[in-house]
PDB file of all heavy atoms in Angstrom:
ATOM      1  N   MET A   1     -23.822   2.579 -19.600  1.00  0.00           N
ATOM      2  CA  MET A   1     -23.940   4.025 -19.590  1.00  0.00           C
ATOM      3  C   MET A   1     -24.165   4.538 -18.181  1.00  0.00           C
ATOM      4  O   MET A   1     -23.531   5.545 -17.813  1.00  0.00           O
ATOM      5  CB  MET A   1     -25.107   4.415 -20.504  1.00  0.00           C
ATOM      6  CG  MET A   1     -25.282   5.933 -20.661  1.00  0.00           C
ATOM      7  SD  MET A   1     -24.024   6.809 -21.615  1.00  0.00           S
ATOM      8  CE  MET A   1     -23.241   7.803 -20.339  1.00  0.00           C
ATOM      9  N   MET A   2     -25.023   3.926 -17.438  1.00  0.00           N
ATOM     10  CA  MET A   2     -25.271   4.363 -16.063  1.00  0.00           C
ATOM     11  C   MET A   2     -24.061   4.174 -15.175  1.00  0.00           C
ATOM     12  O   MET A   2     -23.779   5.036 -14.324  1.00  0.00           O
ATOM     13  CB  MET A   2     -26.510   3.676 -15.495  1.00  0.00           C
ATOM     14  CG  MET A   2     -27.818   4.031 -16.159  1.00  0.00           C
ATOM     15  SD  MET A   2     -28.077   5.826 -16.233  1.00  0.00           S
ATOM     16  CE  MET A   2     -27.856   6.088 -18.037  1.00  0.00           C
ATOM     17  N   LEU A   3     -23.341   3.063 -15.320  1.00  0.00           N
ATOM     18  CA  LEU A   3     -22.118   2.875 -14.531  1.00  0.00           C
ATOM     19  C   LEU A   3     -21.067   3.895 -14.915  1.00  0.00           C
ATOM     20  O   LEU A   3     -20.334   4.419 -14.007  1.00  0.00           O
ATOM     21  CB  LEU A   3     -21.595   1.439 -14.758  1.00  0.00           C
ATOM     22  CG  LEU A   3     -22.475   0.377 -14.149  1.00  0.00           C
ATOM     23  CD1 LEU A   3     -21.990  -0.991 -14.655  1.00  0.00           C
ATOM     24  CD2 LEU A   3     -22.482   0.394 -12.619  1.00  0.00           C
ATOM     25  N   THR A   4     -20.976   4.289 -16.184  1.00  0.00           N
ATOM     26  CA  THR A   4     -20.062   5.365 -16.574  1.00  0.00           C
ATOM     27  C   THR A   4     -20.458   6.674 -15.943  1.00  0.00           C
ATOM     28  O   THR A   4     -19.618   7.439 -15.498  1.00  0.00           O
ATOM     29  CB  THR A   4     -20.059   5.440 -18.128  1.00  0.00           C
ATOM     30  OG1 THR A   4     -19.651   4.226 -18.712  1.00  0.00           O
ATOM     31  CG2 THR A   4     -19.106   6.583 -18.565  1.00  0.00           C
ATOM     32  N   LEU A   5     -21.766   6.954 -15.888  1.00  0.00           N
ATOM     33  CA  LEU A   5     -22.240   8.216 -15.298  1.00  0.00           C
ATOM     34  C   LEU A   5     -21.936   8.214 -13.814  1.00  0.00           C
ATOM     35  O   LEU A   5     -21.481   9.225 -13.231  1.00  0.00           O
ATOM     36  CB  LEU A   5     -23.706   8.339 -15.533  1.00  0.00           C
ATOM     37  CG  LEU A   5     -24.389   9.607 -14.953  1.00  0.00           C
ATOM     38  CD1 LEU A   5     -23.705  10.862 -15.533  1.00  0.00           C
ATOM     39  CD2 LEU A   5     -25.887   9.609 -15.272  1.00  0.00           C
ATOM     40  N   ILE A   6     -22.139   7.082 -13.133  1.00  0.00           N
ATOM     41  CA  ILE A   6     -21.805   6.976 -11.718  1.00  0.00           C
ATOM     42  C   ILE A   6     -20.281   7.259 -11.497  1.00  0.00           C
ATOM     43  O   ILE A   6     -19.885   7.997 -10.591  1.00  0.00           O
ATOM     44  CB  ILE A   6     -22.209   5.621 -11.143  1.00  0.00           C
ATOM     45  CG1 ILE A   6     -23.716   5.491 -11.101  1.00  0.00           C
ATOM     46  CG2 ILE A   6     -21.633   5.398  -9.757  1.00  0.00           C
ATOM     47  CD1 ILE A   6     -24.237   4.112 -10.867  1.00  0.00           C
ATOM     48  N   GLU A   7     -19.460   6.636 -12.341  1.00  0.00           N
ATOM     49  CA  GLU A   7     -18.066   6.883 -12.246  1.00  0.00           C
ATOM     50  C   GLU A   7     -17.656   8.366 -12.452  1.00  0.00           C
ATOM     51  O   GLU A   7     -16.831   8.885 -11.694  1.00  0.00           O
ATOM     52  CB  GLU A   7     -17.282   6.038 -13.239  1.00  0.00           C
ATOM     53  CG  GLU A   7     -15.778   6.116 -13.151  1.00  0.00           C
ATOM     54  CD  GLU A   7     -15.052   5.226 -14.116  1.00  0.00           C
ATOM     55  OE1 GLU A   7     -15.712   4.486 -14.843  1.00  0.00           O
ATOM     56  OE2 GLU A   7     -13.802   5.301 -14.165  1.00  0.00           O
ATOM     57  N   ALA A   8     -18.333   8.998 -13.354  1.00  0.00           N
ATOM     58  CA  ALA A   8     -18.028  10.445 -13.618  1.00  0.00           C
ATOM     59  C   ALA A   8     -18.457  11.277 -12.436  1.00  0.00           C
ATOM     60  O   ALA A   8     -17.773  12.267 -12.093  1.00  0.00           O
ATOM     61  CB  ALA A   8     -18.802  10.905 -14.880  1.00  0.00           C
ATOM     62  N   ILE A   9     -19.580  10.902 -11.776  1.00  0.00           N
ATOM     63  CA  ILE A   9     -20.075  11.703 -10.630  1.00  0.00           C
ATOM     64  C   ILE A   9     -19.319  11.410  -9.339  1.00  0.00           C
ATOM     65  O   ILE A   9     -18.950  12.302  -8.589  1.00  0.00           O
ATOM     66  CB  ILE A   9     -21.568  11.452 -10.412  1.00  0.00           C
ATOM     67  CG1 ILE A   9     -22.376  11.959 -11.634  1.00  0.00           C
ATOM     68  CG2 ILE A   9     -22.074  12.123  -9.166  1.00  0.00           C
ATOM     69  CD1 ILE A   9     -23.828  11.572 -11.645  1.00  0.00           C
ATOM     70  N   ALA A  10     -19.084  10.102  -9.074  1.00  0.00           N
ATOM     71  CA  ALA A  10     -18.599   9.706  -7.752  1.00  0.00           C
ATOM     72  C   ALA A  10     -17.310   8.900  -7.743  1.00  0.00           C
ATOM     73  O   ALA A  10     -16.880   8.463  -6.649  1.00  0.00           O
ATOM     74  CB  ALA A  10     -19.727   8.947  -7.009  1.00  0.00           C
ATOM     75  N   GLY A  11     -16.762   8.636  -8.873  1.00  0.00           N
ATOM     76  CA  GLY A  11     -15.482   7.892  -8.918  1.00  0.00           C
ATOM     77  C   GLY A  11     -15.600   6.436  -9.244  1.00  0.00           C
ATOM     78  O   GLY A  11     -16.687   5.824  -9.168  1.00  0.00           O
ATOM     79  N   ARG A  12     -14.453   5.855  -9.596  1.00  0.00           N
ATOM     80  CA  ARG A  12     -14.378   4.469 -10.019  1.00  0.00           C
ATOM     81  C   ARG A  12     -14.836   3.494  -8.933  1.00  0.00           C
ATOM     82  O   ARG A  12     -15.518   2.517  -9.196  1.00  0.00           O
ATOM     83  CB  ARG A  12     -12.960   4.100 -10.455  1.00  0.00           C
ATOM     84  CG  ARG A  12     -12.778   2.728 -10.976  1.00  0.00           C
ATOM     85  CD  ARG A  12     -13.261   2.569 -12.356  1.00  0.00           C
ATOM     86  NE  ARG A  12     -13.120   1.236 -12.878  1.00  0.00           N
ATOM     87  CZ  ARG A  12     -13.388   0.832 -14.132  1.00  0.00           C
ATOM     88  NH1 ARG A  12     -13.837   1.722 -14.963  1.00  0.00           N
ATOM     89  NH2 ARG A  12     -13.195  -0.412 -14.506  1.00  0.00           N
ATOM     90  N   GLY A  13     -14.431   3.781  -7.702  1.00  0.00           N
ATOM     91  CA  GLY A  13     -14.765   2.862  -6.587  1.00  0.00           C
ATOM     92  C   GLY A  13     -16.253   2.704  -6.424  1.00  0.00           C
ATOM     93  O   GLY A  13     -16.780   1.618  -6.224  1.00  0.00           O
ATOM     94  N   LYS A  14     -17.023   3.841  -6.485  1.00  0.00           N
ATOM     95  CA  LYS A  14     -18.467   3.742  -6.371  1.00  0.00           C
ATOM     96  C   LYS A  14     -19.077   2.975  -7.498  1.00  0.00           C
ATOM     97  O   LYS A  14     -19.945   2.146  -7.312  1.00  0.00           O
ATOM     98  CB  LYS A  14     -19.072   5.130  -6.251  1.00  0.00           C
ATOM     99  CG  LYS A  14     -20.573   5.215  -6.335  1.00  0.00           C
ATOM    100  CD  LYS A  14     -21.221   4.429  -5.205  1.00  0.00           C
ATOM    101  CE  LYS A  14     -21.151   5.264  -3.880  1.00  0.00           C
ATOM    102  NZ  LYS A  14     -22.013   4.602  -2.825  1.00  0.00           N
ATOM    103  N   ALA A  15     -18.596   3.207  -8.708  1.00  0.00           N
ATOM    104  CA  ALA A  15     -19.110   2.487  -9.865  1.00  0.00           C
ATOM    105  C   ALA A  15     -18.864   1.008  -9.753  1.00  0.00           C
ATOM    106  O   ALA A  15     -19.725   0.205 -10.066  1.00  0.00           O
ATOM    107  CB  ALA A  15     -18.521   3.021 -11.142  1.00  0.00           C
ATOM    108  N   GLU A  16     -17.664   0.627  -9.271  1.00  0.00           N
ATOM    109  CA  GLU A  16     -17.356  -0.776  -9.130  1.00  0.00           C
ATOM    110  C   GLU A  16     -18.268  -1.417  -8.034  1.00  0.00           C
ATOM    111  O   GLU A  16     -18.734  -2.580  -8.215  1.00  0.00           O
ATOM    112  CB  GLU A  16     -15.893  -0.935  -8.719  1.00  0.00           C
ATOM    113  CG  GLU A  16     -14.932  -0.660  -9.881  1.00  0.00           C
ATOM    114  CD  GLU A  16     -13.497  -0.671  -9.416  1.00  0.00           C
ATOM    115  OE1 GLU A  16     -13.233  -0.610  -8.192  1.00  0.00           O
ATOM    116  OE2 GLU A  16     -12.607  -0.787 -10.299  1.00  0.00           O
ATOM    117  N   ALA A  17     -18.564  -0.695  -6.975  1.00  0.00           N
ATOM    118  CA  ALA A  17     -19.415  -1.253  -5.967  1.00  0.00           C
ATOM    119  C   ALA A  17     -20.822  -1.459  -6.502  1.00  0.00           C
ATOM    120  O   ALA A  17     -21.459  -2.487  -6.192  1.00  0.00           O
ATOM    121  CB  ALA A  17     -19.464  -0.285  -4.751  1.00  0.00           C
ATOM    122  N   VAL A  18     -21.387  -0.493  -7.248  1.00  0.00           N
ATOM    123  CA  VAL A  18     -22.675  -0.700  -7.826  1.00  0.00           C
ATOM    124  C   VAL A  18     -22.700  -1.828  -8.852  1.00  0.00           C
ATOM    125  O   VAL A  18     -23.591  -2.619  -8.935  1.00  0.00           O
ATOM    126  CB  VAL A  18     -23.143   0.631  -8.461  1.00  0.00           C
ATOM    127  CG1 VAL A  18     -24.507   0.438  -9.206  1.00  0.00           C
ATOM    128  CG2 VAL A  18     -23.305   1.720  -7.397  1.00  0.00           C
ATOM    129  N   ALA A  19     -21.631  -1.909  -9.653  1.00  0.00           N
ATOM    130  CA  ALA A  19     -21.521  -2.957 -10.662  1.00  0.00           C
ATOM    131  C   ALA A  19     -21.596  -4.332 -10.002  1.00  0.00           C
ATOM    132  O   ALA A  19     -22.241  -5.263 -10.545  1.00  0.00           O
ATOM    133  CB  ALA A  19     -20.232  -2.834 -11.458  1.00  0.00           C
ATOM    134  N   ARG A  20     -20.963  -4.486  -8.821  1.00  0.00           N
ATOM    135  CA  ARG A  20     -21.033  -5.774  -8.114  1.00  0.00           C
ATOM    136  C   ARG A  20     -22.482  -6.130  -7.729  1.00  0.00           C
ATOM    137  O   ARG A  20     -22.865  -7.256  -7.778  1.00  0.00           O
ATOM    138  CB  ARG A  20     -20.091  -5.770  -6.954  1.00  0.00           C
ATOM    139  CG  ARG A  20     -18.639  -5.867  -7.255  1.00  0.00           C
ATOM    140  CD  ARG A  20     -17.780  -6.125  -6.048  1.00  0.00           C
ATOM    141  NE  ARG A  20     -17.777  -5.039  -5.122  1.00  0.00           N
ATOM    142  CZ  ARG A  20     -16.923  -4.010  -5.126  1.00  0.00           C
ATOM    143  NH1 ARG A  20     -16.022  -3.962  -6.046  1.00  0.00           N
ATOM    144  NH2 ARG A  20     -17.004  -3.031  -4.219  1.00  0.00           N
ATOM    145  N   THR A  21     -23.203  -5.108  -7.296  1.00  0.00           N
ATOM    146  CA  THR A  21     -24.575  -5.431  -6.805  1.00  0.00           C
ATOM    147  C   THR A  21     -25.508  -5.794  -7.969  1.00  0.00           C
ATOM    148  O   THR A  21     -26.553  -6.491  -7.732  1.00  0.00           O
ATOM    149  CB  THR A  21     -25.207  -4.178  -6.129  1.00  0.00           C
ATOM    150  OG1 THR A  21     -25.496  -3.165  -7.075  1.00  0.00           O
ATOM    151  CG2 THR A  21     -24.292  -3.632  -5.019  1.00  0.00           C
ATOM    152  N   ILE A  22     -25.209  -5.418  -9.206  1.00  0.00           N
ATOM    153  CA  ILE A  22     -26.041  -5.769 -10.362  1.00  0.00           C
ATOM    154  C   ILE A  22     -25.468  -6.916 -11.164  1.00  0.00           C
ATOM    155  O   ILE A  22     -26.024  -7.289 -12.181  1.00  0.00           O
ATOM    156  CB  ILE A  22     -26.322  -4.534 -11.238  1.00  0.00           C
ATOM    157  CG1 ILE A  22     -25.065  -3.974 -11.840  1.00  0.00           C
ATOM    158  CG2 ILE A  22     -27.055  -3.481 -10.471  1.00  0.00           C
ATOM    159  CD1 ILE A  22     -25.305  -2.808 -12.805  1.00  0.00           C
ATOM    160  N   GLY A  23     -24.333  -7.453 -10.703  1.00  0.00           N
ATOM    161  CA  GLY A  23     -23.708  -8.593 -11.388  1.00  0.00           C
ATOM    162  C   GLY A  23     -23.036  -8.282 -12.689  1.00  0.00           C
ATOM    163  O   GLY A  23     -22.865  -9.127 -13.555  1.00  0.00           O
ATOM    164  N   GLN A  24     -22.539  -7.007 -12.839  1.00  0.00           N
ATOM    165  CA  GLN A  24     -21.897  -6.558 -14.029  1.00  0.00           C
ATOM    166  C   GLN A  24     -20.387  -6.453 -13.803  1.00  0.00           C
ATOM    167  O   GLN A  24     -19.950  -5.771 -12.939  1.00  0.00           O
ATOM    168  CB  GLN A  24     -22.464  -5.185 -14.443  1.00  0.00           C
ATOM    169  CG  GLN A  24     -21.891  -4.672 -15.775  1.00  0.00           C
ATOM    170  CD  GLN A  24     -22.377  -5.421 -16.991  1.00  0.00           C
ATOM    171  OE1 GLN A  24     -23.306  -6.179 -16.920  1.00  0.00           O
ATOM    172  NE2 GLN A  24     -21.756  -5.187 -18.106  1.00  0.00           N
ATOM    173  N   GLY A  25     -19.619  -7.167 -14.643  1.00  0.00           N
ATOM    174  CA  GLY A  25     -18.186  -7.187 -14.464  1.00  0.00           C
ATOM    175  C   GLY A  25     -17.457  -5.934 -14.934  1.00  0.00           C
ATOM    176  O   GLY A  25     -16.437  -5.531 -14.421  1.00  0.00           O
ATOM    177  N   GLY A  26     -17.950  -5.314 -16.010  1.00  0.00           N
ATOM    178  CA  GLY A  26     -17.295  -4.142 -16.580  1.00  0.00           C
ATOM    179  C   GLY A  26     -18.279  -3.329 -17.369  1.00  0.00           C
ATOM    180  O   GLY A  26     -19.422  -3.721 -17.587  1.00  0.00           O
ATOM    181  N   TRP A  27     -17.784  -2.144 -17.804  1.00  0.00           N
ATOM    182  CA  TRP A  27     -18.738  -1.276 -18.521  1.00  0.00           C
ATOM    183  C   TRP A  27     -17.960  -0.491 -19.628  1.00  0.00           C
ATOM    184  O   TRP A  27     -18.102   0.674 -19.829  1.00  0.00           O
ATOM    185  CB  TRP A  27     -19.470  -0.324 -17.588  1.00  0.00           C
ATOM    186  CG  TRP A  27     -18.551   0.502 -16.675  1.00  0.00           C
ATOM    187  CD1 TRP A  27     -18.145   1.775 -16.862  1.00  0.00           C
ATOM    188  CD2 TRP A  27     -18.113   0.087 -15.372  1.00  0.00           C
ATOM    189  NE1 TRP A  27     -17.378   2.189 -15.784  1.00  0.00           N
ATOM    190  CE2 TRP A  27     -17.378   1.174 -14.824  1.00  0.00           C
ATOM    191  CE3 TRP A  27     -18.246  -1.054 -14.619  1.00  0.00           C
ATOM    192  CZ2 TRP A  27     -16.758   1.108 -13.577  1.00  0.00           C
ATOM    193  CZ3 TRP A  27     -17.621  -1.124 -13.344  1.00  0.00           C
ATOM    194  CH2 TRP A  27     -16.875  -0.035 -12.897  1.00  0.00           C
ATOM    195  N   SER A  28     -17.168  -1.281 -20.366  1.00  0.00           N
ATOM    196  CA  SER A  28     -16.456  -0.674 -21.482  1.00  0.00           C
ATOM    197  C   SER A  28     -17.385  -0.115 -22.536  1.00  0.00           C
ATOM    198  O   SER A  28     -18.475  -0.616 -22.747  1.00  0.00           O
ATOM    199  CB  SER A  28     -15.525  -1.758 -22.108  1.00  0.00           C
ATOM    200  OG  SER A  28     -15.055  -1.277 -23.316  1.00  0.00           O
ATOM    201  N   ALA A  29     -16.925   0.941 -23.228  1.00  0.00           N
ATOM    202  CA  ALA A  29     -17.713   1.515 -24.336  1.00  0.00           C
ATOM    203  C   ALA A  29     -17.563   0.740 -25.624  1.00  0.00           C
ATOM    204  O   ALA A  29     -18.244   0.959 -26.589  1.00  0.00           O
ATOM    205  CB  ALA A  29     -17.285   2.952 -24.555  1.00  0.00           C
ATOM    206  N   GLY A  30     -16.621  -0.244 -25.614  1.00  0.00           N
ATOM    207  CA  GLY A  30     -16.385  -1.057 -26.853  1.00  0.00           C
ATOM    208  C   GLY A  30     -17.625  -1.824 -27.218  1.00  0.00           C
ATOM    209  O   GLY A  30     -18.372  -2.377 -26.347  1.00  0.00           O
ATOM    210  N   HIS A  31     -17.811  -1.974 -28.536  1.00  0.00           N
ATOM    211  CA  HIS A  31     -19.021  -2.699 -29.019  1.00  0.00           C
ATOM    212  C   HIS A  31     -18.755  -3.186 -30.426  1.00  0.00           C
ATOM    213  O   HIS A  31     -18.040  -2.504 -31.216  1.00  0.00           O
ATOM    214  CB  HIS A  31     -20.174  -1.691 -29.029  1.00  0.00           C
ATOM    215  CG  HIS A  31     -21.514  -2.284 -29.394  1.00  0.00           C
ATOM    216  ND1 HIS A  31     -22.096  -3.282 -28.729  1.00  0.00           N
ATOM    217  CD2 HIS A  31     -22.417  -1.969 -30.342  1.00  0.00           C
ATOM    218  CE1 HIS A  31     -23.230  -3.604 -29.195  1.00  0.00           C
ATOM    219  NE2 HIS A  31     -23.481  -2.804 -30.234  1.00  0.00           N
ATOM    220  N   ASP A  32     -19.224  -4.371 -30.717  1.00  0.00           N
ATOM    221  CA  ASP A  32     -19.092  -4.922 -32.089  1.00  0.00           C
ATOM    222  C   ASP A  32     -20.380  -4.636 -32.836  1.00  0.00           C
ATOM    223  O   ASP A  32     -21.316  -5.441 -32.872  1.00  0.00           O
ATOM    224  CB  ASP A  32     -18.854  -6.436 -31.986  1.00  0.00           C
ATOM    225  CG  ASP A  32     -18.652  -7.057 -33.379  1.00  0.00           C
ATOM    226  OD1 ASP A  32     -18.642  -6.323 -34.375  1.00  0.00           O
ATOM    227  OD2 ASP A  32     -18.567  -8.322 -33.433  1.00  0.00           O
ATOM    228  N   SER A  33     -20.456  -3.443 -33.446  1.00  0.00           N
ATOM    229  CA  SER A  33     -21.657  -3.049 -34.119  1.00  0.00           C
ATOM    230  C   SER A  33     -22.040  -4.000 -35.263  1.00  0.00           C
ATOM    231  O   SER A  33     -23.211  -4.203 -35.570  1.00  0.00           O
ATOM    232  CB  SER A  33     -21.509  -1.618 -34.711  1.00  0.00           C
ATOM    233  OG  SER A  33     -21.271  -0.711 -33.648  1.00  0.00           O
ATOM    234  N   GLY A  34     -21.052  -4.582 -35.924  1.00  0.00           N
ATOM    235  CA  GLY A  34     -21.327  -5.491 -37.051  1.00  0.00           C
ATOM    236  C   GLY A  34     -22.031  -6.721 -36.656  1.00  0.00           C
ATOM    237  O   GLY A  34     -22.588  -7.425 -37.514  1.00  0.00           O
TER     238      GLY A  34
END
């Protein structure tokens, strides 16, 4: 959610840069609720 918010505010590149610093490869909204 926070990476999505960063992308909305500052763009995909900034979100990707932050994701690398926290060790997160992606931030898809997809989820297996079951």
